[in-house]
Amino acid sequence: MNQEVTDLIQSIKEPLQGDLATSLREVVHQAIPDINERIQYKKPHFLNNGKYAAVISTSKEAVSFTIFNASTLELPEGMFDGPPERKTLKLRKGDTFDFEQLVSWVGQASMG
């Protein structure tokens, strides 16, 4: 794991957002064990074989998790936003997500 990414996640002021970002980072690492991570545009980006696999970003009221190469995924209606190749899940206070399902989707997308 990249220390810059760890530091950035630990610097998130809202504890709930920090916890969500930590969990989402774990999703990516479980889905793609040899993932590379780096900070780009002040956000954690995850690269698989040099291609974007996922990105975590925070705003005032949400944590967004974008899965790249998502056009082959069968995702629930209304859960994700964005064009077919790049799907974003927005998590707000009180939202939860299915950890194993997200691991599965990220893994599937990384093979595409």
Protein backbone atom coordinates (compact mmCIF):
# COMPACT_ATOMS: atom_id res chain seq x y z
CA MET A 1 0.00 0.00 0.00
CA ASN A 2 1.16 3.49 -0.88
CA GLN A 3 1.95 5.69 2.15
CA GLU A 4 0.71 8.83 0.35
CA VAL A 5 -2.69 7.18 -0.12
CA THR A 6 -2.73 6.11 3.54
CA ASP A 7 -1.86 9.65 4.65
CA LEU A 8 -4.54 11.20 2.41
CA ILE A 9 -7.24 8.85 3.71
CA GLN A 10 -6.16 9.48 7.30
CA SER A 11 -6.38 13.24 6.70
CA ILE A 12 -10.09 13.10 5.79
CA LYS A 13 -11.77 15.27 8.43
CA GLU A 14 -15.14 13.52 8.58
CA PRO A 15 -14.54 10.18 10.42
CA LEU A 16 -17.34 8.37 8.60
CA GLN A 17 -15.87 9.37 5.23
CA GLY A 18 -12.44 8.20 6.34
CA ASP A 19 -13.90 4.84 7.35
CA LEU A 20 -15.73 4.51 4.03
CA ALA A 21 -12.58 5.41 2.07
CA THR A 22 -10.57 2.84 4.07
CA SER A 23 -13.19 0.16 3.36
CA LEU A 24 -13.33 1.03 -0.35
CA ARG A 25 -9.55 0.87 -0.55
CA GLU A 26 -9.73 -2.61 1.00
CA VAL A 27 -12.34 -3.59 -1.63
CA VAL A 28 -9.87 -2.72 -4.40
CA HIS A 29 -6.99 -4.59 -2.75
CA GLN A 30 -9.11 -7.71 -2.27
CA ALA A 31 -10.40 -7.58 -5.84
CA ILE A 32 -6.98 -6.91 -7.43
CA PRO A 33 -4.18 -8.05 -5.07
CA ASP A 34 -1.33 -6.57 -7.15
CA ILE A 35 -3.02 -3.18 -7.67
CA ASN A 36 -0.88 -0.06 -7.82
CA GLU A 37 -2.14 3.02 -6.04
CA ARG A 38 -1.15 6.65 -6.26
CA ILE A 39 -2.44 10.12 -5.54
CA GLN A 40 -3.59 11.97 -8.62
CA TYR A 41 -5.75 15.13 -8.61
CA LYS A 42 -5.67 14.87 -4.78
CA LYS A 43 -7.57 11.56 -4.90
CA PRO A 44 -6.51 7.92 -4.45
CA HIS A 45 -6.32 6.26 -7.88
CA PHE A 46 -5.89 2.53 -8.36
CA LEU A 47 -4.16 1.19 -11.46
CA ASN A 48 -4.11 -2.35 -12.77
CA ASN A 49 -1.46 -3.00 -15.44
CA GLY A 50 -1.17 0.75 -15.98
CA LYS A 51 -4.91 1.26 -16.56
CA TYR A 52 -7.30 2.93 -14.15
CA ALA A 53 -9.31 0.41 -12.15
CA ALA A 54 -10.91 2.64 -9.50
CA VAL A 55 -10.80 6.01 -7.79
CA ILE A 56 -12.05 7.26 -4.43
CA SER A 57 -13.09 10.88 -3.98
CA THR A 58 -14.78 12.80 -1.21
CA SER A 59 -17.05 15.82 -1.23
CA LYS A 60 -18.77 17.65 1.61
CA GLU A 61 -21.53 15.09 1.97
CA ALA A 62 -20.41 11.96 0.14
CA VAL A 63 -17.68 9.51 -0.71
CA SER A 64 -17.64 8.52 -4.37
CA PHE A 65 -16.19 5.28 -5.66
CA THR A 66 -15.69 4.97 -9.41
CA ILE A 67 -15.12 1.63 -11.14
CA PHE A 68 -13.47 1.88 -14.56
CA ASN A 69 -13.98 -0.58 -17.46
CA ALA A 70 -17.47 -1.18 -16.08
CA SER A 71 -19.40 -1.60 -19.37
CA THR A 72 -19.67 -5.41 -18.99
CA LEU A 73 -20.89 -5.31 -15.38
CA GLU A 74 -24.50 -6.06 -14.53
CA LEU A 75 -25.17 -3.38 -11.93
CA PRO A 76 -28.42 -2.69 -10.05
CA GLU A 77 -30.57 0.02 -11.59
CA GLY A 78 -30.14 3.40 -9.91
CA MET A 79 -27.21 2.41 -7.71
CA PHE A 80 -24.43 3.81 -9.92
CA ASP A 81 -24.13 6.97 -12.03
CA GLY A 82 -22.04 7.69 -15.10
CA PRO A 83 -21.37 6.40 -18.59
CA PRO A 84 -21.22 2.62 -19.20
CA GLU A 85 -17.42 2.44 -19.05
CA ARG A 86 -17.12 4.36 -15.77
CA LYS A 87 -19.64 3.82 -12.99
CA THR A 88 -19.71 5.83 -9.75
CA LEU A 89 -21.28 4.84 -6.46
CA LYS A 90 -22.02 7.76 -4.12
CA LEU A 91 -22.13 6.92 -0.43
CA ARG A 92 -23.64 9.40 2.00
CA LYS A 93 -24.01 9.34 5.76
CA GLY A 94 -25.95 6.25 6.78
CA ASP A 95 -25.38 4.46 3.45
CA THR A 96 -23.86 1.01 3.46
CA PHE A 97 -22.57 -1.19 0.68
CA ASP A 98 -22.16 -4.91 0.11
CA PHE A 99 -18.39 -5.35 0.53
CA GLU A 100 -18.19 -8.76 -1.19
CA GLN A 101 -20.40 -7.63 -4.10
CA LEU A 102 -18.23 -4.57 -4.67
CA VAL A 103 -15.09 -6.75 -4.57
CA SER A 104 -16.70 -8.96 -7.21
CA TRP A 105 -17.60 -6.03 -9.50
CA VAL A 106 -14.13 -4.45 -9.24
CA GLY A 107 -12.55 -7.83 -9.96
CA GLN A 108 -14.78 -8.43 -12.98
CA ALA A 109 -14.12 -4.94 -14.35
CA SER A 110 -10.35 -5.39 -13.97
CA MET A 111 -10.46 -8.41 -16.28
CA GLY A 112 -12.29 -6.51 -19.02
